[in-house]
Amino acid sequence: LAWIVGFSSRLFSVIRFESIIHEFDPWFNYRATKQMVENGFYEFLNWFDVTAWYPLGRIVGGTVYPGLMVTSELTLFHLRTLGAIHYILQLLHIPIHIREVCVFLAPIFSGLTAIMAYLFTKEVWNERAGLFAACFLAIVPGYISRSVAGSYDNEGIAIFALLLTYFLWIKAVKTGGLMWGVLCALAYFYMVSAWGGYVFIINLIPLHVFVLILTQRYSTRIYVAYTSFYILGLILSMQVPFVGFQPVRTSEHMAAAGVFVLLQVGFCLAECALSSLTLLT
C-alpha cells in the first residue's frame, strides 16, 4: 500500500500533461543516459560533450555520478529482455524507450524507498513504527518534490540507497555476520555512484561505532561489521571516477579512517591481553 501511494502520488504531472522530463539537470542526465545506452558504459566514461558548457565543452564521464544512468540502463535492459513484462507493455501500448524509463524511475524508487523505510524502522524499533515511517515517507512533501515523475535526478535513487545501506548496517551489527557487512559495503558503493550525499553515511556509521565504544557496548560483532564495511566500501568507492582518491585524501572521510584505526588497535590490544592471560594460567 505504501508503495502504491508513493508511486501514484508522484504521477500528477504525467496524468495532467504528458510524460516529459522537467528542469535542466534532469535533461542533462537524460542525455547522458541516452549516450550510455547507445554507445556503452566505457564510451560514456570517455565522452566529451561539446554542447555542455558551450563553447568549452565538458568531460562527462569523470564529472558525474554514473549510478543514475547505470540504473536506468539496467532497468531498460530488463524491461526489454523479460518476455512477460515486455508482452504486457506492448499490449497496453506503453513504449519501452529510455525516456519513459527516466521519467518513471524516481516514482518507482520512491515506492521502494517506502518499503525500505519500513524494513529499517522495523529493525530498529518495531513493526508499527515501520508502517508509520513507510506511510510518512511516501507522502512527505520534501521527498515528493525530488522524486516526481520527470524529475530525473540523483536524489530519485539516492534516498533508497541511503536507507538500504543503513538497514544492512543494522543487520550487520546485530548479527556480526561478514555477509551483512559485505552487502552493506555494496549498498554503500551504489550510494557513492549515485549521489555526493554518501558522505552522510561515511560519517554517521563511524559515529555510531564510536558512540557504541564510549557507552561500553563494543563487541566482536561491531568489529566484524565495521571492518568488512570500511575496507570493501573504501576500495569500491574509489572505483567511481568522480570520487577517485577522495576517500583517503579529504577531511570528510577522516572520521571513518580514525574509527577504523581505533578498532584495529583496540582489537590487537584485546588479543594481546587475552594471550597474556592464557599464558599466565
Protein backbone atom coordinates (compact mmCIF):
# COMPACT_ATOMS: atom_id res chain seq x y z
CA LEU A 1 0.00 0.00 0.00
CA ALA A 2 2.84 2.41 0.86
CA TRP A 3 4.49 1.60 -2.47
CA ILE A 4 1.26 2.29 -4.36
CA VAL A 5 0.69 5.58 -2.52
CA GLY A 6 4.30 6.66 -3.02
CA PHE A 7 4.22 5.81 -6.72
CA SER A 8 0.77 7.14 -7.64
CA SER A 9 1.14 10.44 -5.75
CA ARG A 10 4.08 11.35 -7.99
CA LEU A 11 2.31 10.86 -11.34
CA PHE A 12 0.29 14.09 -11.27
CA SER A 13 2.32 15.84 -13.98
CA VAL A 14 2.13 12.83 -16.30
CA ILE A 15 -1.63 12.41 -15.85
CA ARG A 16 -2.40 16.11 -16.29
CA PHE A 17 0.08 16.90 -19.05
CA GLU A 18 2.32 14.25 -20.62
CA SER A 19 5.33 12.03 -19.99
CA ILE A 20 8.19 14.51 -20.11
CA ILE A 21 11.39 15.29 -18.22
CA HIS A 22 11.45 18.56 -16.27
CA GLU A 23 14.17 21.10 -15.43
CA PHE A 24 17.76 21.45 -16.63
CA ASP A 25 19.73 18.87 -14.65
CA PRO A 26 17.24 16.05 -15.39
CA TRP A 27 17.51 16.85 -19.10
CA PHE A 28 21.29 16.63 -18.97
CA ASN A 29 21.03 13.35 -17.04
CA TYR A 30 18.69 12.06 -19.73
CA ARG A 31 21.15 13.00 -22.48
CA ALA A 32 23.95 11.28 -20.55
CA THR A 33 21.83 8.16 -20.08
CA LYS A 34 20.92 8.08 -23.77
CA GLN A 35 24.61 8.35 -24.62
CA MET A 36 25.37 5.39 -22.35
CA VAL A 37 22.56 3.26 -23.80
CA GLU A 38 23.57 3.95 -27.40
CA ASN A 39 27.36 3.71 -27.05
CA GLY A 40 28.09 1.67 -23.92
CA PHE A 41 29.47 2.37 -20.47
CA TYR A 42 33.14 2.71 -21.38
CA GLU A 43 32.41 5.14 -24.20
CA PHE A 44 30.32 7.12 -21.74
CA LEU A 45 33.27 7.40 -19.33
CA ASN A 46 35.35 8.97 -22.12
CA TRP A 47 32.54 11.09 -23.57
CA PHE A 48 33.39 14.73 -24.24
CA ASP A 49 30.14 16.68 -24.57
CA VAL A 50 30.71 19.64 -26.89
CA THR A 51 27.23 21.08 -26.22
CA ALA A 52 27.64 21.35 -22.43
CA TRP A 53 29.28 24.48 -21.04
CA TYR A 54 29.49 25.76 -24.63
CA PRO A 55 31.92 26.68 -26.15
CA LEU A 56 34.30 24.97 -23.71
CA GLY A 57 32.63 21.56 -23.64
CA ARG A 58 32.79 19.08 -20.79
CA ILE A 59 34.31 15.70 -19.99
CA VAL A 60 31.19 13.96 -18.69
CA GLY A 61 32.40 10.55 -17.54
CA GLY A 62 34.74 11.88 -14.89
CA THR A 63 32.49 14.68 -13.63
CA VAL A 64 29.18 12.93 -12.88
CA TYR A 65 27.92 10.23 -10.53
CA PRO A 66 27.07 7.43 -13.00
CA GLY A 67 24.75 5.43 -10.72
CA LEU A 68 21.60 7.10 -12.02
CA MET A 69 22.46 6.40 -15.66
CA VAL A 70 23.52 2.80 -14.99
CA THR A 71 20.29 2.14 -13.06
CA SER A 72 18.18 3.42 -15.95
CA GLU A 73 20.15 1.41 -18.50
CA LEU A 74 19.78 -1.81 -16.48
CA THR A 75 16.06 -1.12 -15.99
CA LEU A 76 15.59 -0.68 -19.73
CA PHE A 77 17.57 -3.86 -20.42
CA HIS A 78 15.42 -5.93 -18.05
CA LEU A 79 12.19 -4.49 -19.43
CA ARG A 80 13.23 -5.49 -22.94
CA THR A 81 14.55 -8.94 -22.05
CA LEU A 82 11.86 -10.17 -19.62
CA GLY A 83 9.32 -11.61 -22.04
CA ALA A 84 6.19 -11.40 -19.88
CA ILE A 85 6.72 -7.75 -18.91
CA HIS A 86 7.59 -6.81 -22.48
CA TYR A 87 4.46 -8.55 -23.81
CA ILE A 88 2.16 -6.86 -21.27
CA LEU A 89 3.61 -3.42 -22.02
CA GLN A 90 3.15 -3.98 -25.75
CA LEU A 91 -0.50 -4.95 -25.19
CA LEU A 92 -1.04 -1.74 -23.22
CA HIS A 93 0.70 0.27 -25.97
CA ILE A 94 3.29 1.53 -23.49
CA PRO A 95 6.52 2.34 -25.34
CA ILE A 96 9.73 0.90 -23.96
CA HIS A 97 12.08 3.81 -24.53
CA ILE A 98 14.86 5.13 -22.34
CA ARG A 99 12.95 8.40 -21.93
CA GLU A 100 9.99 6.61 -20.34
CA VAL A 101 12.34 4.78 -18.01
CA CYS A 102 13.92 8.08 -16.97
CA VAL A 103 10.52 9.70 -16.39
CA PHE A 104 9.15 6.94 -14.17
CA LEU A 105 12.37 5.88 -12.42
CA ALA A 106 12.03 8.28 -9.46
CA PRO A 107 8.38 7.36 -8.67
CA ILE A 108 9.25 3.65 -8.82
CA PHE A 109 12.16 4.13 -6.45
CA SER A 110 10.06 6.27 -4.14
CA GLY A 111 7.83 3.25 -3.59
CA LEU A 112 10.86 1.07 -2.96
CA THR A 113 12.16 3.70 -0.54
CA ALA A 114 8.92 3.50 1.45
CA ILE A 115 9.36 -0.28 1.71
CA MET A 116 12.97 0.19 2.79
CA ALA A 117 11.88 2.73 5.42
CA TYR A 118 9.53 0.08 6.81
CA LEU A 119 12.26 -2.57 6.96
CA PHE A 120 14.79 -0.20 8.51
CA THR A 121 12.43 1.19 11.16
CA LYS A 122 11.10 -2.28 11.94
CA GLU A 123 14.67 -3.46 12.53
CA VAL A 124 15.44 -0.51 14.79
CA TRP A 125 12.11 -0.26 16.65
CA ASN A 126 9.05 -2.35 15.80
CA GLU A 127 6.58 -3.18 13.05
CA ARG A 128 4.07 -0.44 13.88
CA ALA A 129 6.78 2.21 13.77
CA GLY A 130 7.92 0.76 10.45
CA LEU A 131 4.46 1.10 8.95
CA PHE A 132 4.23 4.71 10.13
CA ALA A 133 7.67 5.51 8.68
CA ALA A 134 6.77 3.95 5.32
CA CYS A 135 3.48 5.86 5.03
CA PHE A 136 5.08 9.11 6.17
CA LEU A 137 7.96 8.84 3.71
CA ALA A 138 5.59 8.02 0.85
CA ILE A 139 3.77 11.36 1.20
CA VAL A 140 6.30 13.74 2.80
CA PRO A 141 6.47 16.90 0.60
CA GLY A 142 10.24 17.31 0.82
CA TYR A 143 10.81 13.92 -0.78
CA ILE A 144 7.95 14.21 -3.27
CA SER A 145 9.50 17.39 -4.68
CA ARG A 146 12.66 15.46 -5.60
CA SER A 147 11.02 12.29 -6.90
CA VAL A 148 8.02 13.27 -9.03
CA ALA A 149 7.66 11.77 -12.49
CA GLY A 150 10.03 13.59 -14.82
CA SER A 151 12.39 14.72 -12.07
CA TYR A 152 15.23 12.57 -13.29
CA ASP A 153 17.93 13.49 -10.79
CA ASN A 154 20.30 11.74 -8.40
CA GLU A 155 18.08 12.05 -5.33
CA GLY A 156 15.47 9.88 -7.03
CA ILE A 157 17.52 6.74 -6.34
CA ALA A 158 19.93 8.02 -3.69
CA ILE A 159 17.43 8.12 -0.80
CA PHE A 160 16.64 4.46 -1.45
CA ALA A 161 20.36 3.61 -1.45
CA LEU A 162 20.82 5.63 1.76
CA LEU A 163 18.14 3.70 3.66
CA LEU A 164 19.29 0.40 2.19
CA THR A 165 22.82 0.99 3.48
CA TYR A 166 21.61 1.88 6.97
CA PHE A 167 19.31 -1.16 7.06
CA LEU A 168 22.13 -3.51 6.08
CA TRP A 169 24.42 -1.83 8.61
CA ILE A 170 21.95 -2.51 11.43
CA LYS A 171 21.70 -6.14 10.30
CA ALA A 172 25.50 -6.40 10.23
CA VAL A 173 25.82 -5.01 13.77
CA LYS A 174 23.06 -7.22 15.16
CA THR A 175 24.32 -10.46 13.61
CA GLY A 176 28.06 -9.83 13.34
CA GLY A 177 27.97 -11.71 10.04
CA LEU A 178 30.55 -10.98 7.38
CA MET A 179 27.89 -11.35 4.68
CA TRP A 180 25.86 -8.42 6.03
CA GLY A 181 28.98 -6.26 6.23
CA VAL A 182 29.80 -7.05 2.60
CA LEU A 183 26.21 -6.33 1.50
CA CYS A 184 26.34 -3.04 3.40
CA ALA A 185 29.54 -2.11 1.56
CA LEU A 186 27.92 -2.94 -1.79
CA ALA A 187 24.91 -0.77 -0.94
CA TYR A 188 27.32 2.00 0.08
CA PHE A 189 29.09 1.66 -3.27
CA TYR A 190 25.74 2.09 -5.04
CA MET A 191 25.12 5.19 -2.96
CA VAL A 192 28.57 6.59 -3.81
CA SER A 193 27.93 6.04 -7.51
CA ALA A 194 24.58 7.82 -7.27
CA TRP A 195 24.98 10.96 -5.15
CA GLY A 196 27.50 13.09 -3.29
CA GLY A 197 25.41 12.73 -0.15
CA TYR A 198 27.24 9.46 0.54
CA VAL A 199 29.36 11.48 2.98
CA PHE A 200 26.41 11.30 5.40
CA ILE A 201 26.83 7.52 5.51
CA ILE A 202 30.59 7.50 5.86
CA ASN A 203 30.31 9.88 8.82
CA LEU A 204 27.20 8.58 10.60
CA ILE A 205 28.24 4.91 10.65
CA PRO A 206 31.65 5.68 12.25
CA LEU A 207 29.86 7.99 14.69
CA HIS A 208 27.53 5.12 15.61
CA VAL A 209 30.50 2.83 16.21
CA PHE A 210 32.30 5.47 18.27
CA VAL A 211 29.24 6.04 20.47
CA LEU A 212 28.91 2.28 21.00
CA ILE A 213 32.54 2.16 22.13
CA LEU A 214 32.08 5.11 24.51
CA THR A 215 28.99 3.52 26.05
CA GLN A 216 30.91 0.24 26.57
CA ARG A 217 28.78 -1.71 24.11
CA TYR A 218 31.69 -2.83 21.95
CA SER A 219 31.68 -6.44 20.75
CA THR A 220 33.30 -8.56 18.07
CA ARG A 221 30.12 -8.15 16.02
CA ILE A 222 30.84 -4.43 15.69
CA TYR A 223 34.45 -5.17 14.78
CA VAL A 224 33.49 -7.61 12.01
CA ALA A 225 30.69 -5.37 10.69
CA TYR A 226 32.70 -2.16 10.54
CA THR A 227 35.96 -3.69 9.33
CA SER A 228 34.30 -5.51 6.43
CA PHE A 229 32.17 -2.47 5.58
CA TYR A 230 35.02 0.03 5.69
CA ILE A 231 37.66 -1.94 3.78
CA LEU A 232 35.39 -3.10 0.97
CA GLY A 233 33.45 0.17 0.87
CA LEU A 234 36.68 2.17 0.64
CA ILE A 235 38.02 0.09 -2.24
CA LEU A 236 34.75 0.13 -4.16
CA SER A 237 34.08 3.85 -3.68
CA MET A 238 37.45 4.69 -5.20
CA GLN A 239 36.37 2.97 -8.42
CA VAL A 240 33.89 5.78 -9.15
CA PRO A 241 35.86 8.18 -11.41
CA PHE A 242 34.31 11.32 -9.93
CA VAL A 243 35.28 10.21 -6.41
CA GLY A 244 38.72 8.77 -7.09
CA PHE A 245 41.13 9.16 -4.17
CA GLN A 246 38.90 11.46 -2.12
CA PRO A 247 38.14 8.72 0.49
CA VAL A 248 41.81 8.70 1.54
CA ARG A 249 42.56 12.37 0.95
CA THR A 250 39.72 14.64 2.06
CA SER A 251 38.71 15.67 5.57
CA GLU A 252 35.11 14.40 5.44
CA HIS A 253 36.42 10.82 5.24
CA MET A 254 38.96 11.05 8.06
CA ALA A 255 36.49 10.24 10.85
CA ALA A 256 35.80 6.87 9.25
CA ALA A 257 39.52 6.17 8.95
CA GLY A 258 40.11 7.20 12.56
CA VAL A 259 37.41 4.87 13.89
CA PHE A 260 38.82 2.06 11.74
CA VAL A 261 42.31 2.55 13.22
CA LEU A 262 40.82 2.74 16.72
CA LEU A 263 39.04 -0.57 16.23
CA GLN A 264 42.17 -2.28 14.91
CA VAL A 265 44.32 -1.00 17.80
CA GLY A 266 41.68 -1.99 20.33
CA PHE A 267 41.32 -5.43 18.80
CA CYS A 268 45.09 -6.00 18.84
CA LEU A 269 45.36 -4.88 22.47
CA ALA A 270 42.47 -7.14 23.45
CA GLU A 271 44.06 -10.11 21.70
CA CYS A 272 47.42 -9.42 23.36
CA ALA A 273 45.79 -9.17 26.78
CA LEU A 274 43.88 -12.41 26.19
CA SER A 275 47.07 -14.19 25.08
CA SER A 276 48.93 -12.95 28.17
CA LEU A 277 46.18 -14.20 30.48
CA THR A 278 46.19 -17.56 28.71
CA LEU A 279 49.95 -17.91 29.21
CA LEU A 280 49.70 -16.94 32.88
CA THR A 281 47.03 -19.53 33.56
